[in-house]
C-alpha atoms as a PDB file:
ATOM      1  CA  UNK A   1     -14.866 -18.575  -1.448  1.00  0.00           C
ATOM      2  CA  UNK A   2     -12.826 -15.626  -2.952  1.00  0.00           C
ATOM      3  CA  UNK A   3     -10.805 -13.216  -1.703  1.00  0.00           C
ATOM      4  CA  UNK A   4     -13.282  -9.737  -0.140  1.00  0.00           C
ATOM      5  CA  UNK A   5     -10.359  -7.303  -1.368  1.00  0.00           C
ATOM      6  CA  UNK A   6     -12.752  -4.403  -1.140  1.00  0.00           C
ATOM      7  CA  UNK A   7     -12.841  -5.217   2.730  1.00  0.00           C
ATOM      8  CA  UNK A   8      -9.659  -6.078   2.987  1.00  0.00           C
ATOM      9  CA  UNK A   9      -8.887  -2.425   0.816  1.00  0.00           C
ATOM     10  CA  UNK A  10     -10.974  -0.056   4.199  1.00  0.00           C
ATOM     11  CA  UNK A  11      -9.060  -2.733   7.020  1.00  0.00           C
ATOM     12  CA  UNK A  12      -5.488  -1.871   5.516  1.00  0.00           C
ATOM     13  CA  UNK A  13      -6.604   2.304   5.252  1.00  0.00           C
ATOM     14  CA  UNK A  14      -7.709   1.953   9.086  1.00  0.00           C
ATOM     15  CA  UNK A  15      -4.323   0.180   9.983  1.00  0.00           C
ATOM     16  CA  UNK A  16      -2.361   2.448   7.712  1.00  0.00           C
ATOM     17  CA  UNK A  17      -4.326   4.883   9.428  1.00  0.00           C
ATOM     18  CA  UNK A  18      -3.583   4.373  13.025  1.00  0.00           C
ATOM     19  CA  UNK A  19      -0.431   4.678  12.550  1.00  0.00           C
ATOM     20  CA  UNK A  20      -0.176   7.827  10.412  1.00  0.00           C
ATOM     21  CA  UNK A  21      -1.717   9.282  14.187  1.00  0.00           C
ATOM     22  CA  UNK A  22       1.486   8.047  15.829  1.00  0.00           C
ATOM     23  CA  UNK A  23       3.494   9.697  13.510  1.00  0.00           C
ATOM     24  CA  UNK A  24       6.029  12.111  16.232  1.00  0.00           C
ATOM     25  CA  UNK A  25       8.677  12.856  13.564  1.00  0.00           C
ATOM     26  CA  UNK A  26       7.885  13.024   9.821  1.00  0.00           C
ATOM     27  CA  UNK A  27      11.725  13.514   9.060  1.00  0.00           C
ATOM     28  CA  UNK A  28      12.663   9.535  10.379  1.00  0.00           C
ATOM     29  CA  UNK A  29      13.776   7.293   8.688  1.00  0.00           C
ATOM     30  CA  UNK A  30      11.319   3.771   7.303  1.00  0.00           C
ATOM     31  CA  UNK A  31      12.899   0.686   5.470  1.00  0.00           C
ATOM     32  CA  UNK A  32      12.550   2.502   2.020  1.00  0.00           C
ATOM     33  CA  UNK A  33      15.844   3.462   2.463  1.00  0.00           C
ATOM     34  CA  UNK A  34      15.318   6.673   0.394  1.00  0.00           C
ATOM     35  CA  UNK A  35      12.164   8.344   2.200  1.00  0.00           C
ATOM     36  CA  UNK A  36      11.669   9.972   5.229  1.00  0.00           C
ATOM     37  CA  UNK A  37       8.507   9.382   7.362  1.00  0.00           C
ATOM     38  CA  UNK A  38       6.830  12.427   5.288  1.00  0.00           C
ATOM     39  CA  UNK A  39       7.737  11.166   2.329  1.00  0.00           C
ATOM     40  CA  UNK A  40       6.376   7.595   2.913  1.00  0.00           C
ATOM     41  CA  UNK A  41       2.650   9.509   3.705  1.00  0.00           C
ATOM     42  CA  UNK A  42       2.775  11.429   1.519  1.00  0.00           C
ATOM     43  CA  UNK A  43       3.547   8.221  -1.417  1.00  0.00           C
ATOM     44  CA  UNK A  44       0.451   6.599  -0.155  1.00  0.00           C
ATOM     45  CA  UNK A  45      -1.607   9.537   0.113  1.00  0.00           C
ATOM     46  CA  UNK A  46      -0.236  10.551  -3.471  1.00  0.00           C
ATOM     47  CA  UNK A  47      -1.738   6.322  -4.839  1.00  0.00           C
ATOM     48  CA  UNK A  48      -5.096   7.639  -3.164  1.00  0.00           C
ATOM     49  CA  UNK A  49      -5.340  11.136  -4.493  1.00  0.00           C
ATOM     50  CA  UNK A  50      -5.412   8.599  -8.099  1.00  0.00           C
ATOM     51  CA  UNK A  51      -7.683   6.345  -7.262  1.00  0.00           C
ATOM     52  CA  UNK A  52     -11.348   7.776  -7.462  1.00  0.00           C
ATOM     53  CA  UNK A  53     -10.009   9.727 -11.146  1.00  0.00           C
ATOM     54  CA  UNK A  54      -8.981   6.434 -12.230  1.00  0.00           C
ATOM     55  CA  UNK A  55     -11.705   4.200 -11.599  1.00  0.00           C
ATOM     56  CA  UNK A  56     -14.092   6.782 -13.738  1.00  0.00           C
ATOM     57  CA  UNK A  57     -11.871   6.243 -17.186  1.00  0.00           C
ATOM     58  CA  UNK A  58      -9.421   9.233 -17.264  1.00  0.00           C
ATOM     59  CA  UNK A  59      -5.925   7.894 -18.072  1.00  0.00           C
ATOM     60  CA  UNK A  60      -3.370   8.768 -15.425  1.00  0.00           C
ATOM     61  CA  UNK A  61      -2.348  12.406 -17.884  1.00  0.00           C
ATOM     62  CA  UNK A  62      -6.272  13.344 -17.129  1.00  0.00           C
ATOM     63  CA  UNK A  63      -6.124  12.416 -13.608  1.00  0.00           C
ATOM     64  CA  UNK A  64      -2.907  13.798 -13.310  1.00  0.00           C
ATOM     65  CA  UNK A  65      -4.069  16.952 -14.083  1.00  0.00           C
ATOM     66  CA  UNK A  66      -6.879  17.510 -11.948  1.00  0.00           C
ATOM     67  CA  UNK A  67      -5.624  15.977  -8.688  1.00  0.00           C
ATOM     68  CA  UNK A  68      -6.029  17.997  -5.910  1.00  0.00           C
ATOM     69  CA  UNK A  69      -2.537  18.918  -3.881  1.00  0.00           C
ATOM     70  CA  UNK A  70      -1.625  17.371  -0.354  1.00  0.00           C
ATOM     71  CA  UNK A  71      -2.180  19.830   2.548  1.00  0.00           C
ATOM     72  CA  UNK A  72       0.451  19.771   4.976  1.00  0.00           C
ATOM     73  CA  UNK A  73      -1.824  18.347   7.339  1.00  0.00           C
ATOM     74  CA  UNK A  74      -0.754  14.393   6.785  1.00  0.00           C
ATOM     75  CA  UNK A  75      -2.952  12.634   8.982  1.00  0.00           C
ATOM     76  CA  UNK A  76      -5.910  14.942   7.695  1.00  0.00           C
ATOM     77  CA  UNK A  77      -5.210  14.402   4.163  1.00  0.00           C
ATOM     78  CA  UNK A  78      -4.261  10.302   4.504  1.00  0.00           C
ATOM     79  CA  UNK A  79      -8.667  10.270   5.931  1.00  0.00           C
ATOM     80  CA  UNK A  80     -10.024  12.686   3.278  1.00  0.00           C
ATOM     81  CA  UNK A  81      -8.053  10.925   0.157  1.00  0.00           C
ATOM     82  CA  UNK A  82      -8.319   7.060   2.067  1.00  0.00           C
ATOM     83  CA  UNK A  83     -11.978   8.010   2.459  1.00  0.00           C
ATOM     84  CA  UNK A  84     -12.715   8.922  -1.428  1.00  0.00           C
ATOM     85  CA  UNK A  85     -11.088   6.163  -2.584  1.00  0.00           C
ATOM     86  CA  UNK A  86     -12.456   3.500  -0.866  1.00  0.00           C
ATOM     87  CA  UNK A  87     -15.301   4.641  -1.900  1.00  0.00           C
ATOM     88  CA  UNK A  88     -14.689   5.018  -5.499  1.00  0.00           C
ATOM     89  CA  UNK A  89     -13.399   1.409  -5.139  1.00  0.00           C
ATOM     90  CA  UNK A  90     -16.673   0.264  -3.474  1.00  0.00           C
ATOM     91  CA  UNK A  91     -18.408   1.435  -6.412  1.00  0.00           C
ATOM     92  CA  UNK A  92     -16.481   0.647  -9.640  1.00  0.00           C
ATOM     93  CA  UNK A  93     -17.934  -2.659 -11.309  1.00  0.00           C
ATOM     94  CA  UNK A  94     -14.651  -5.178 -11.240  1.00  0.00           C
ATOM     95  CA  UNK A  95     -14.060  -5.158 -14.785  1.00  0.00           C
ATOM     96  CA  UNK A  96     -13.404  -1.364 -15.576  1.00  0.00           C
ATOM     97  CA  UNK A  97     -10.583  -0.106 -17.197  1.00  0.00           C
ATOM     98  CA  UNK A  98      -7.870   1.602 -14.763  1.00  0.00           C
ATOM     99  CA  UNK A  99      -5.384   3.329 -17.929  1.00  0.00           C
ATOM    100  CA  UNK A 100      -3.039   3.404 -15.367  1.00  0.00           C
ATOM    101  CA  UNK A 101       0.677   5.564 -17.315  1.00  0.00           C
ATOM    102  CA  UNK A 102       2.290   1.945 -17.907  1.00  0.00           C
ATOM    103  CA  UNK A 103      -0.487  -0.511 -19.033  1.00  0.00           C
ATOM    104  CA  UNK A 104      -4.574  -0.864 -18.535  1.00  0.00           C
ATOM    105  CA  UNK A 105      -5.761  -3.213 -15.967  1.00  0.00           C
ATOM    106  CA  UNK A 106      -9.247  -4.427 -14.346  1.00  0.00           C
ATOM    107  CA  UNK A 107     -10.037  -1.931 -11.552  1.00  0.00           C
ATOM    108  CA  UNK A 108      -9.846  -5.428  -9.125  1.00  0.00           C
ATOM    109  CA  UNK A 109      -6.093  -6.316 -10.509  1.00  0.00           C
ATOM    110  CA  UNK A 110      -5.803  -2.060  -9.049  1.00  0.00           C
ATOM    111  CA  UNK A 111      -7.665  -2.881  -6.033  1.00  0.00           C
ATOM    112  CA  UNK A 112      -4.987  -6.030  -5.432  1.00  0.00           C
ATOM    113  CA  UNK A 113      -2.416  -4.243  -5.539  1.00  0.00           C
ATOM    114  CA  UNK A 114      -3.048  -0.479  -4.028  1.00  0.00           C
ATOM    115  CA  UNK A 115      -4.418  -3.144  -0.930  1.00  0.00           C
ATOM    116  CA  UNK A 116      -0.780  -4.845  -0.888  1.00  0.00           C
ATOM    117  CA  UNK A 117       1.024  -1.719  -1.114  1.00  0.00           C
ATOM    118  CA  UNK A 118      -1.142  -0.440   1.547  1.00  0.00           C
ATOM    119  CA  UNK A 119      -0.290  -3.080   4.379  1.00  0.00           C
ATOM    120  CA  UNK A 120       3.473  -3.396   3.199  1.00  0.00           C
ATOM    121  CA  UNK A 121       3.754   0.532   3.968  1.00  0.00           C
ATOM    122  CA  UNK A 122       1.894   0.110   7.018  1.00  0.00           C
ATOM    123  CA  UNK A 123       4.207  -2.358   8.002  1.00  0.00           C
ATOM    124  CA  UNK A 124       7.213   0.202   7.318  1.00  0.00           C
ATOM    125  CA  UNK A 125       5.507   3.269   8.816  1.00  0.00           C
ATOM    126  CA  UNK A 126       5.330   1.101  11.711  1.00  0.00           C
ATOM    127  CA  UNK A 127       8.929   0.120  12.254  1.00  0.00           C
ATOM    128  CA  UNK A 128       9.729   3.610  11.136  1.00  0.00           C
ATOM    129  CA  UNK A 129       7.742   5.209  14.304  1.00  0.00           C
ATOM    130  CA  UNK A 130       8.218   2.373  16.585  1.00  0.00           C
ATOM    131  CA  UNK A 131       4.980   1.349  16.965  1.00  0.00           C
ATOM    132  CA  UNK A 132       3.129  -1.912  16.438  1.00  0.00           C
ATOM    133  CA  UNK A 133       3.884  -3.881  13.717  1.00  0.00           C
ATOM    134  CA  UNK A 134       1.861  -6.756  13.392  1.00  0.00           C
ATOM    135  CA  UNK A 135      -0.860  -6.571  11.369  1.00  0.00           C
ATOM    136  CA  UNK A 136      -4.445  -8.718  11.114  1.00  0.00           C
ATOM    137  CA  UNK A 137      -3.861 -12.547   9.650  1.00  0.00           C
ATOM    138  CA  UNK A 138      -6.513 -12.371   6.907  1.00  0.00           C
ATOM    139  CA  UNK A 139      -4.637  -8.877   5.448  1.00  0.00           C
ATOM    140  CA  UNK A 140      -1.481 -11.119   6.185  1.00  0.00           C
ATOM    141  CA  UNK A 141      -2.676 -14.092   4.428  1.00  0.00           C
ATOM    142  CA  UNK A 142      -4.636 -11.902   1.309  1.00  0.00           C
ATOM    143  CA  UNK A 143      -1.232 -10.025   0.344  1.00  0.00           C
ATOM    144  CA  UNK A 144       0.706 -13.714   0.628  1.00  0.00           C
ATOM    145  CA  UNK A 145      -1.486 -15.038  -1.307  1.00  0.00           C
ATOM    146  CA  UNK A 146      -1.128 -12.309  -4.582  1.00  0.00           C
ATOM    147  CA  UNK A 147       2.978 -11.949  -4.327  1.00  0.00           C
ATOM    148  CA  UNK A 148       3.553 -15.797  -3.926  1.00  0.00           C
ATOM    149  CA  UNK A 149       3.079 -16.887  -7.553  1.00  0.00           C
ATOM    150  CA  UNK A 150       5.320 -12.675  -7.917  1.00  0.00           C
ATOM    151  CA  UNK A 151       7.567 -14.032  -5.386  1.00  0.00           C
ATOM    152  CA  UNK A 152      10.904 -14.360  -8.368  1.00  0.00           C
ATOM    153  CA  UNK A 153       9.579 -12.175 -10.032  1.00  0.00           C
ATOM    154  CA  UNK A 154       8.670  -9.311  -7.720  1.00  0.00           C
ATOM    155  CA  UNK A 155      12.954  -7.480  -7.391  1.00  0.00           C
ATOM    156  CA  UNK A 156      12.822  -7.743 -11.384  1.00  0.00           C
ATOM    157  CA  UNK A 157      10.210  -5.141 -10.861  1.00  0.00           C
ATOM    158  CA  UNK A 158      12.398  -2.662  -9.445  1.00  0.00           C
ATOM    159  CA  UNK A 159       9.593  -1.233  -7.174  1.00  0.00           C
ATOM    160  CA  UNK A 160      10.774  -4.091  -4.902  1.00  0.00           C
ATOM    161  CA  UNK A 161      14.446  -4.707  -3.391  1.00  0.00           C
ATOM    162  CA  UNK A 162      15.814  -8.065  -3.668  1.00  0.00           C
ATOM    163  CA  UNK A 163      13.844 -10.972  -1.175  1.00  0.00           C
ATOM    164  CA  UNK A 164      15.750 -11.126   2.705  1.00  0.00           C
ATOM    165  CA  UNK A 165      16.051 -14.496   3.795  1.00  0.00           C
ATOM    166  CA  UNK A 166      14.644 -16.331   5.944  1.00  0.00           C
ATOM    167  CA  UNK A 167      13.568 -19.839   7.287  1.00  0.00           C
ATOM    168  CA  UNK A 168      11.027 -21.259   5.851  1.00  0.00           C
ATOM    169  CA  UNK A 169       8.881 -22.059   9.732  1.00  0.00           C
ATOM    170  CA  UNK A 170       8.984 -17.749   9.695  1.00  0.00           C
ATOM    171  CA  UNK A 171       5.746 -16.485  10.451  1.00  0.00           C
ATOM    172  CA  UNK A 172       3.532 -15.417   7.573  1.00  0.00           C
ATOM    173  CA  UNK A 173       4.008 -11.737   7.705  1.00  0.00           C
ATOM    174  CA  UNK A 174       8.012 -12.260   8.226  1.00  0.00           C
ATOM    175  CA  UNK A 175       8.468 -13.721   5.214  1.00  0.00           C
ATOM    176  CA  UNK A 176       5.562 -11.343   3.186  1.00  0.00           C
ATOM    177  CA  UNK A 177       7.871  -8.471   3.952  1.00  0.00           C
ATOM    178  CA  UNK A 178      10.901 -10.859   2.975  1.00  0.00           C
ATOM    179  CA  UNK A 179       9.731 -10.966  -0.008  1.00  0.00           C
ATOM    180  CA  UNK A 180       9.573  -7.658  -0.789  1.00  0.00           C
ATOM    181  CA  UNK A 181      12.919  -6.772   1.261  1.00  0.00           C
ATOM    182  CA  UNK A 182      12.406  -5.709   4.130  1.00  0.00           C
ATOM    183  CA  UNK A 183      13.913  -7.441   6.809  1.00  0.00           C
ATOM    184  CA  UNK A 184      11.292  -8.017   9.884  1.00  0.00           C
ATOM    185  CA  UNK A 185      13.890 -10.264  12.323  1.00  0.00           C
ATOM    186  CA  UNK A 186      15.820  -6.359  11.798  1.00  0.00           C
ATOM    187  CA  UNK A 187      14.861  -4.077  13.782  1.00  0.00           C
ATOM    188  CA  UNK A 188      15.800  -0.313  12.699  1.00  0.00           C
END
């Protein structure tokens, strides 16, 4: 059975949204050592702003020129931009070419990447806010299956820190986070 990345994207967006409303300190540190909670949330919102433009054929430069800015109400901005992105994903054929700044990929590949990004950052936000760090099993499993063939190359992309050593029998979420340079065992 094929993975339903549209459903998983909606689930990831819902999970991230639950964590945003729990933020009480927008300047709190996150597992992404260079980012505050505000920086992390703004990054994920920013990614959502691009999606409707890119899925309708705009190239990166066109999309950038026409983006609505992110306002100060980050929970409200998340709700608005995440809903627009979810709608765009539902309406875009899987083979739609997406013109990113560095590459052209199919919409289904971009969807998988974006869903994985939201999933990992949901855990980051949960850790930063001291909220529930568990994530739905189906989401963790799908992202793990996407990342697993790339484990050796993830840190080399520059998007992730070096992997953290964990036991082979560690829970799947712990192993997933470890390959992205996050230590789920140590509470920050």
